Amino acid sequence: MSYLTPQKFPIPLDRDKVAHDWRRRCYSCDVFTDPPGREWNDFVHMTNELVTVMEGRLKFTIGGEEITVEPGDEVFIPKGICHSVKNISSSTTRRLYGYD
């Protein structure tokens, strides 16, 4: 399964356009920030999740597969799958995330 849709949204990222796209697909849309080096490990949600990087770079591990995510890319994380995320940028990373 491919978890990454590269360049799903044009840069600079328009949060309202992403939110509109996600609402049509029945997802919420909120902002999260991570300082350089921040890691979140071994999460499992009971809902599907979408993530799009606004600024910076993230490394996701989804079901053992590593993915580097750039601004405008969209990541799909299926419910029930173990995933981790790390800010691999030298600056703060901002991302949009949503659940169905």
Protein backbone atom coordinates (compact mmCIF):
# COMPACT_ATOMS: atom_id res chain seq x y z
CA MET A 1 0.00 0.00 0.00
CA SER A 2 1.23 3.49 -0.80
CA TYR A 3 0.82 5.82 2.17
CA LEU A 4 2.26 8.88 0.37
CA THR A 5 0.74 11.11 -2.30
CA PRO A 6 3.64 13.37 -3.36
CA GLN A 7 2.83 17.01 -4.13
CA LYS A 8 -0.89 16.56 -3.48
CA PHE A 9 -1.22 20.29 -2.71
CA PRO A 10 0.60 23.23 -4.36
CA ILE A 11 3.21 25.26 -2.47
CA PRO A 12 2.85 27.66 -0.76
CA LEU A 13 0.27 25.53 1.01
CA ASP A 14 -3.18 27.10 1.41
CA ARG A 15 -4.66 25.73 4.64
CA ASP A 16 -8.21 26.61 3.60
CA LYS A 17 -7.89 24.61 0.37
CA VAL A 18 -6.53 21.59 2.25
CA ALA A 19 -9.33 21.86 4.83
CA HIS A 20 -11.92 22.08 2.05
CA ASP A 21 -10.47 19.00 0.31
CA TRP A 22 -10.39 17.05 3.56
CA ARG A 23 -13.94 18.09 4.57
CA ARG A 24 -15.19 16.68 1.26
CA ARG A 25 -13.52 13.42 2.32
CA CYS A 26 -15.01 13.68 5.86
CA TYR A 27 -11.74 14.55 7.68
CA SER A 28 -11.07 17.24 10.27
CA CYS A 29 -8.16 19.68 9.74
CA ASP A 30 -5.96 21.12 12.49
CA VAL A 31 -2.39 22.48 12.76
CA PHE A 32 0.46 20.94 14.77
CA THR A 33 4.03 22.16 15.23
CA ASP A 34 7.16 20.20 16.10
CA PRO A 35 10.55 21.66 17.06
CA PRO A 36 13.67 20.22 15.38
CA GLY A 37 14.32 16.61 16.39
CA ARG A 38 10.91 16.04 18.02
CA GLU A 39 9.76 12.42 17.80
CA TRP A 40 6.40 10.79 18.40
CA ASN A 41 6.74 7.02 18.53
CA ASP A 42 4.44 4.01 18.24
CA PHE A 43 1.00 5.58 17.97
CA VAL A 44 -2.12 3.65 16.99
CA HIS A 45 -5.44 5.44 16.32
CA MET A 46 -8.87 3.92 15.88
CA THR A 47 -9.58 6.33 13.00
CA ASN A 48 -7.84 7.00 9.70
CA GLU A 49 -5.51 10.02 9.66
CA LEU A 50 -4.29 12.41 6.97
CA VAL A 51 -1.17 14.58 7.33
CA THR A 52 0.21 17.31 5.06
CA VAL A 53 3.43 19.21 5.81
CA MET A 54 3.13 22.99 5.54
CA GLU A 55 6.75 23.86 6.41
CA GLY A 56 9.77 21.65 7.13
CA ARG A 57 10.29 17.90 6.64
CA LEU A 58 9.03 14.88 8.54
CA LYS A 59 10.01 11.23 8.55
CA PHE A 60 7.12 8.84 9.09
CA THR A 61 7.36 5.16 9.88
CA ILE A 62 4.05 3.52 9.05
CA GLY A 63 3.76 -0.21 9.56
CA GLY A 64 7.56 -0.50 9.29
CA GLU A 65 7.82 1.56 6.07
CA GLU A 66 9.85 4.82 6.27
CA ILE A 67 8.59 7.81 4.31
CA THR A 68 10.09 11.32 4.04
CA VAL A 69 7.39 13.95 3.70
CA GLU A 70 7.91 17.40 2.16
CA PRO A 71 5.58 20.42 2.00
CA GLY A 72 2.50 19.68 -0.09
CA ASP A 73 2.78 15.89 0.25
CA GLU A 74 -0.14 14.02 1.80
CA VAL A 75 0.23 10.97 4.05
CA PHE A 76 -2.57 8.50 4.74
CA ILE A 77 -2.28 6.53 7.99
CA PRO A 78 -4.85 3.74 8.20
CA LYS A 79 -6.67 3.14 11.48
CA GLY A 80 -5.15 0.47 13.67
CA ILE A 81 -1.62 0.68 12.19
CA CYS A 82 1.41 1.55 14.33
CA HIS A 83 3.13 4.76 13.20
CA SER A 84 5.83 7.18 14.32
CA VAL A 85 6.87 10.65 13.14
CA LYS A 86 10.08 12.67 13.52
CA ASN A 87 10.89 16.25 12.57
CA ILE A 88 14.03 15.87 10.42
CA SER A 89 14.15 19.58 9.56
CA SER A 90 16.64 21.96 11.18
CA SER A 91 13.72 24.26 11.99
CA THR A 92 10.20 23.97 13.38
CA THR A 93 7.89 21.90 11.21
CA ARG A 94 4.22 22.81 10.80
CA ARG A 95 1.75 20.22 9.59
CA LEU A 96 -1.93 19.80 9.05
CA TYR A 97 -3.55 16.64 10.37
CA GLY A 98 -7.06 15.30 10.38
CA TYR A 99 -9.11 12.28 11.36
CA ASP A 100 -12.19 10.77 9.73
